[in-house]
Amino acid sequence: MKVIKCADVGFDCPGVIKAETEQEALAMAAQHAKEAHGVEEVSAEIVTKIKSVMTEE
């Protein structure tokens, strides 16, 4: 299980994303960023940051 904690990416947010695959986790993170934080476009820089804080559970 891949886990992303929104706070680890740099947002003041208690959100936690859990998904079976990295691809699924990244898609869920992008959707969360748009809905919860108003991020219009998830840049390559943001994806790199997300991948760097993603953990395995």
C-alpha atoms as a PDB file:
ATOM      1  CA  MET A   1       0.000   0.000   0.000  1.00  0.00           C
ATOM      2  CA  LYS A   2       1.371   3.416  -1.015  1.00  0.00           C
ATOM      3  CA  VAL A   3       0.781   6.227   1.489  1.00  0.00           C
ATOM      4  CA  ILE A   4       1.027   9.990   0.975  1.00  0.00           C
ATOM      5  CA  LYS A   5       0.544  12.406   3.862  1.00  0.00           C
ATOM      6  CA  CYS A   6      -0.492  15.783   2.533  1.00  0.00           C
ATOM      7  CA  ALA A   7       1.433  17.592   5.283  1.00  0.00           C
ATOM      8  CA  ASP A   8       4.635  15.872   4.111  1.00  0.00           C
ATOM      9  CA  VAL A   9       4.176  17.513   0.718  1.00  0.00           C
ATOM     10  CA  GLY A  10       4.071  20.941   2.354  1.00  0.00           C
ATOM     11  CA  PHE A  11       0.385  21.647   2.881  1.00  0.00           C
ATOM     12  CA  ASP A  12      -1.177  22.404   6.263  1.00  0.00           C
ATOM     13  CA  CYS A  13      -3.560  19.497   5.844  1.00  0.00           C
ATOM     14  CA  PRO A  14      -4.266  16.287   7.767  1.00  0.00           C
ATOM     15  CA  GLY A  15      -5.158  14.418   4.556  1.00  0.00           C
ATOM     16  CA  VAL A  16      -3.731  10.937   3.989  1.00  0.00           C
ATOM     17  CA  ILE A  17      -3.952   9.096   0.686  1.00  0.00           C
ATOM     18  CA  LYS A  18      -3.644   5.323   0.520  1.00  0.00           C
ATOM     19  CA  ALA A  19      -3.613   3.344  -2.712  1.00  0.00           C
ATOM     20  CA  GLU A  20      -2.440  -0.008  -4.023  1.00  0.00           C
ATOM     21  CA  THR A  21      -0.106   1.415  -6.670  1.00  0.00           C
ATOM     22  CA  GLU A  22       2.083   4.486  -7.088  1.00  0.00           C
ATOM     23  CA  GLN A  23       0.106   5.485 -10.190  1.00  0.00           C
ATOM     24  CA  GLU A  24      -3.189   5.319  -8.297  1.00  0.00           C
ATOM     25  CA  ALA A  25      -1.746   7.245  -5.334  1.00  0.00           C
ATOM     26  CA  LEU A  26      -0.434   9.996  -7.609  1.00  0.00           C
ATOM     27  CA  ALA A  27      -3.815  10.310  -9.355  1.00  0.00           C
ATOM     28  CA  MET A  28      -5.588  10.540  -5.996  1.00  0.00           C
ATOM     29  CA  ALA A  29      -3.065  13.114  -4.765  1.00  0.00           C
ATOM     30  CA  ALA A  30      -3.589  15.243  -7.869  1.00  0.00           C
ATOM     31  CA  GLN A  31      -7.358  15.126  -7.387  1.00  0.00           C
ATOM     32  CA  HIS A  32      -7.003  16.026  -3.693  1.00  0.00           C
ATOM     33  CA  ALA A  33      -4.665  18.915  -4.517  1.00  0.00           C
ATOM     34  CA  LYS A  34      -7.203  20.341  -6.969  1.00  0.00           C
ATOM     35  CA  GLU A  35     -10.250  19.912  -4.737  1.00  0.00           C
ATOM     36  CA  ALA A  36      -8.797  20.730  -1.321  1.00  0.00           C
ATOM     37  CA  HIS A  37      -6.024  23.174  -2.157  1.00  0.00           C
ATOM     38  CA  GLY A  38      -7.044  24.809  -5.443  1.00  0.00           C
ATOM     39  CA  VAL A  39      -3.983  23.528  -7.299  1.00  0.00           C
ATOM     40  CA  GLU A  40      -4.909  23.933 -10.956  1.00  0.00           C
ATOM     41  CA  GLU A  41      -2.011  21.992 -12.439  1.00  0.00           C
ATOM     42  CA  VAL A  42       0.127  19.392 -10.709  1.00  0.00           C
ATOM     43  CA  SER A  43       3.575  20.179 -12.086  1.00  0.00           C
ATOM     44  CA  ALA A  44       6.447  17.752 -12.522  1.00  0.00           C
ATOM     45  CA  GLU A  45       8.057  19.437  -9.500  1.00  0.00           C
ATOM     46  CA  ILE A  46       5.038  18.613  -7.325  1.00  0.00           C
ATOM     47  CA  VAL A  47       4.978  15.012  -8.579  1.00  0.00           C
ATOM     48  CA  THR A  48       8.672  14.672  -7.688  1.00  0.00           C
ATOM     49  CA  LYS A  49       7.970  16.028  -4.201  1.00  0.00           C
ATOM     50  CA  ILE A  50       5.024  13.651  -3.737  1.00  0.00           C
ATOM     51  CA  LYS A  51       7.119  10.670  -4.833  1.00  0.00           C
ATOM     52  CA  SER A  52       9.886  11.665  -2.417  1.00  0.00           C
ATOM     53  CA  VAL A  53       7.538  11.559   0.596  1.00  0.00           C
ATOM     54  CA  MET A  54       5.474   8.536  -0.471  1.00  0.00           C
ATOM     55  CA  THR A  55       5.869   5.616   1.917  1.00  0.00           C
ATOM     56  CA  GLU A  56       5.037   1.931   1.823  1.00  0.00           C
ATOM     57  CA  GLU A  57       2.608   0.503   4.358  1.00  0.00           C
END
